[in-house]
Amino acid sequence: GVAGSEAADKVPPPDPNDPAVQMRINNLSKWATVKDVKHLLERRLGLTGVRKVRKISNQDYAFVYFQSAQERLAADSGINGHKWKGSVLSTAQAKPLDPDRHLKREREGG
């Protein structure tokens, strides 16, 4: 079983679509930019492994992609309850976008 042990050493790169490395941050300022959020995470909170931040303007949340699940977990405890720009931040598991959500909204009449 020598051949099998070599493969175990090579850790596959994390899948950016893996929910374990994704996070949603709620209660952000609607005017915060991706740069603001990155600065908050890396400078103010000293987090590592932030790979990508997605922030939609006029929304009070952002999605963050991390290099590893461990770094995402560390960020979780750092961000939760942190006060920034007058709001207490909270984190959530980033759910993959539901492709049917537009249809559902029409059916519900809202």
C-alpha atoms as a PDB file:
ATOM      1  CA  GLY A   1       0.000   0.000   0.000  1.00  0.00           C
ATOM      2  CA  VAL A   2       2.869   2.390  -0.640  1.00  0.00           C
ATOM      3  CA  ALA A   3       1.281   4.014  -3.685  1.00  0.00           C
ATOM      4  CA  GLY A   4      -1.823   5.024  -1.712  1.00  0.00           C
ATOM      5  CA  SER A   5       0.096   6.863   1.001  1.00  0.00           C
ATOM      6  CA  GLU A   6       1.711   9.279  -1.464  1.00  0.00           C
ATOM      7  CA  ALA A   7      -1.644  10.501  -2.740  1.00  0.00           C
ATOM      8  CA  ALA A   8      -2.768  11.253   0.818  1.00  0.00           C
ATOM      9  CA  ASP A   9       0.007  13.810   1.227  1.00  0.00           C
ATOM     10  CA  LYS A  10      -1.155  15.869  -1.719  1.00  0.00           C
ATOM     11  CA  VAL A  11      -4.082  17.828  -0.383  1.00  0.00           C
ATOM     12  CA  PRO A  12      -6.378  18.799  -3.255  1.00  0.00           C
ATOM     13  CA  PRO A  13      -6.901  22.551  -3.612  1.00  0.00           C
ATOM     14  CA  PRO A  14     -10.173  23.620  -2.005  1.00  0.00           C
ATOM     15  CA  ASP A  15     -13.139  23.765  -4.295  1.00  0.00           C
ATOM     16  CA  PRO A  16     -14.299  27.407  -4.351  1.00  0.00           C
ATOM     17  CA  ASN A  17     -17.854  26.101  -4.705  1.00  0.00           C
ATOM     18  CA  ASP A  18     -17.556  24.077  -1.513  1.00  0.00           C
ATOM     19  CA  PRO A  19     -19.874  25.620   1.105  1.00  0.00           C
ATOM     20  CA  ALA A  20     -17.240  24.896   3.762  1.00  0.00           C
ATOM     21  CA  VAL A  21     -15.077  27.724   2.421  1.00  0.00           C
ATOM     22  CA  GLN A  22     -17.908  30.194   1.784  1.00  0.00           C
ATOM     23  CA  MET A  23     -19.506  32.619   4.179  1.00  0.00           C
ATOM     24  CA  ARG A  24     -22.197  35.235   4.129  1.00  0.00           C
ATOM     25  CA  ILE A  25     -21.756  38.323   6.286  1.00  0.00           C
ATOM     26  CA  ASN A  26     -24.935  40.138   7.258  1.00  0.00           C
ATOM     27  CA  ASN A  27     -25.649  43.646   8.602  1.00  0.00           C
ATOM     28  CA  LEU A  28     -22.969  45.340   6.532  1.00  0.00           C
ATOM     29  CA  SER A  29     -23.353  48.937   5.473  1.00  0.00           C
ATOM     30  CA  LYS A  30     -25.214  49.122   2.176  1.00  0.00           C
ATOM     31  CA  TRP A  31     -22.569  51.523   0.944  1.00  0.00           C
ATOM     32  CA  ALA A  32     -19.637  49.321   1.895  1.00  0.00           C
ATOM     33  CA  THR A  33     -17.510  48.250  -1.042  1.00  0.00           C
ATOM     34  CA  VAL A  34     -15.576  45.050  -1.624  1.00  0.00           C
ATOM     35  CA  LYS A  35     -12.474  47.016  -0.638  1.00  0.00           C
ATOM     36  CA  ASP A  36     -14.110  48.071   2.648  1.00  0.00           C
ATOM     37  CA  VAL A  37     -15.065  44.509   3.487  1.00  0.00           C
ATOM     38  CA  LYS A  38     -11.585  43.194   2.642  1.00  0.00           C
ATOM     39  CA  HIS A  39     -10.050  45.898   4.806  1.00  0.00           C
ATOM     40  CA  LEU A  40     -12.343  44.958   7.673  1.00  0.00           C
ATOM     41  CA  LEU A  41     -11.487  41.272   7.410  1.00  0.00           C
ATOM     42  CA  GLU A  42      -7.756  41.507   6.825  1.00  0.00           C
ATOM     43  CA  ARG A  43      -6.764  44.680   8.661  1.00  0.00           C
ATOM     44  CA  ARG A  44      -9.242  45.145  11.494  1.00  0.00           C
ATOM     45  CA  LEU A  45      -9.886  41.487  12.236  1.00  0.00           C
ATOM     46  CA  GLY A  46      -6.497  40.197  11.086  1.00  0.00           C
ATOM     47  CA  LEU A  47      -8.009  37.280   9.201  1.00  0.00           C
ATOM     48  CA  THR A  48      -6.037  35.210   6.724  1.00  0.00           C
ATOM     49  CA  GLY A  49      -7.058  33.170   3.737  1.00  0.00           C
ATOM     50  CA  VAL A  50      -9.585  35.611   2.303  1.00  0.00           C
ATOM     51  CA  ARG A  51      -9.634  34.638  -1.353  1.00  0.00           C
ATOM     52  CA  LYS A  52     -12.527  36.630  -2.729  1.00  0.00           C
ATOM     53  CA  VAL A  53     -15.245  39.018  -1.551  1.00  0.00           C
ATOM     54  CA  ARG A  54     -18.478  39.509  -3.437  1.00  0.00           C
ATOM     55  CA  LYS A  55     -20.539  42.498  -2.419  1.00  0.00           C
ATOM     56  CA  ILE A  56     -23.569  43.817  -4.258  1.00  0.00           C
ATOM     57  CA  SER A  57     -24.035  47.549  -3.843  1.00  0.00           C
ATOM     58  CA  ASN A  58     -27.195  48.555  -1.992  1.00  0.00           C
ATOM     59  CA  GLN A  59     -27.271  45.178  -0.224  1.00  0.00           C
ATOM     60  CA  ASP A  60     -26.387  44.748   3.422  1.00  0.00           C
ATOM     61  CA  TYR A  61     -24.534  41.469   2.989  1.00  0.00           C
ATOM     62  CA  ALA A  62     -21.468  40.080   1.268  1.00  0.00           C
ATOM     63  CA  PHE A  63     -20.150  36.664   0.335  1.00  0.00           C
ATOM     64  CA  VAL A  64     -16.597  35.749   1.258  1.00  0.00           C
ATOM     65  CA  TYR A  65     -14.601  32.862  -0.174  1.00  0.00           C
ATOM     66  CA  PHE A  66     -11.735  31.480   1.896  1.00  0.00           C
ATOM     67  CA  GLN A  67      -8.694  29.377   1.062  1.00  0.00           C
ATOM     68  CA  SER A  68      -9.667  26.705   3.586  1.00  0.00           C
ATOM     69  CA  ALA A  69     -12.490  25.606   5.858  1.00  0.00           C
ATOM     70  CA  GLN A  70     -10.279  26.270   8.899  1.00  0.00           C
ATOM     71  CA  GLU A  71      -9.805  29.880   7.906  1.00  0.00           C
ATOM     72  CA  ARG A  72     -13.500  30.238   7.300  1.00  0.00           C
ATOM     73  CA  LEU A  73     -14.191  28.930  10.801  1.00  0.00           C
ATOM     74  CA  ALA A  74     -11.681  31.332  12.324  1.00  0.00           C
ATOM     75  CA  ALA A  75     -13.329  34.191  10.462  1.00  0.00           C
ATOM     76  CA  ASP A  76     -16.710  33.092  11.745  1.00  0.00           C
ATOM     77  CA  SER A  77     -15.815  33.733  15.355  1.00  0.00           C
ATOM     78  CA  GLY A  78     -13.960  36.925  14.490  1.00  0.00           C
ATOM     79  CA  ILE A  79     -16.809  38.502  12.530  1.00  0.00           C
ATOM     80  CA  ASN A  80     -19.804  37.394  14.586  1.00  0.00           C
ATOM     81  CA  GLY A  81     -20.765  40.141  17.004  1.00  0.00           C
ATOM     82  CA  HIS A  82     -18.131  42.565  15.673  1.00  0.00           C
ATOM     83  CA  LYS A  83     -19.416  46.109  15.558  1.00  0.00           C
ATOM     84  CA  TRP A  84     -18.637  47.896  12.307  1.00  0.00           C
ATOM     85  CA  LYS A  85     -20.040  51.201  11.036  1.00  0.00           C
ATOM     86  CA  GLY A  86     -22.714  51.101  13.740  1.00  0.00           C
ATOM     87  CA  SER A  87     -24.007  47.600  13.051  1.00  0.00           C
ATOM     88  CA  VAL A  88     -23.282  44.327  14.775  1.00  0.00           C
ATOM     89  CA  LEU A  89     -22.199  41.869  12.111  1.00  0.00           C
ATOM     90  CA  SER A  90     -23.345  38.296  11.890  1.00  0.00           C
ATOM     91  CA  THR A  91     -22.265  35.432   9.694  1.00  0.00           C
ATOM     92  CA  ALA A  92     -24.263  32.734   7.983  1.00  0.00           C
ATOM     93  CA  GLN A  93     -23.589  29.725   5.850  1.00  0.00           C
ATOM     94  CA  ALA A  94     -23.545  30.917   2.254  1.00  0.00           C
ATOM     95  CA  LYS A  95     -26.282  29.027   0.508  1.00  0.00           C
ATOM     96  CA  PRO A  96     -25.846  28.290  -3.153  1.00  0.00           C
ATOM     97  CA  LEU A  97     -28.147  30.486  -5.179  1.00  0.00           C
ATOM     98  CA  ASP A  98     -31.423  28.780  -5.957  1.00  0.00           C
ATOM     99  CA  PRO A  99     -31.959  28.859  -9.715  1.00  0.00           C
ATOM    100  CA  ASP A 100     -35.727  28.550  -9.228  1.00  0.00           C
ATOM    101  CA  ARG A 101     -36.070  31.477  -6.858  1.00  0.00           C
ATOM    102  CA  HIS A 102     -37.479  33.864  -9.460  1.00  0.00           C
ATOM    103  CA  LEU A 103     -40.183  31.384 -10.384  1.00  0.00           C
ATOM    104  CA  LYS A 104     -41.100  30.818  -6.742  1.00  0.00           C
ATOM    105  CA  ARG A 105     -41.441  34.542  -6.146  1.00  0.00           C
ATOM    106  CA  GLU A 106     -43.844  34.911  -9.062  1.00  0.00           C
ATOM    107  CA  ARG A 107     -45.926  31.972  -7.940  1.00  0.00           C
ATOM    108  CA  GLU A 108     -46.232  33.364  -4.440  1.00  0.00           C
ATOM    109  CA  GLY A 109     -47.436  36.621  -5.899  1.00  0.00           C
ATOM    110  CA  GLY A 110     -44.731  38.620  -4.153  1.00  0.00           C
END
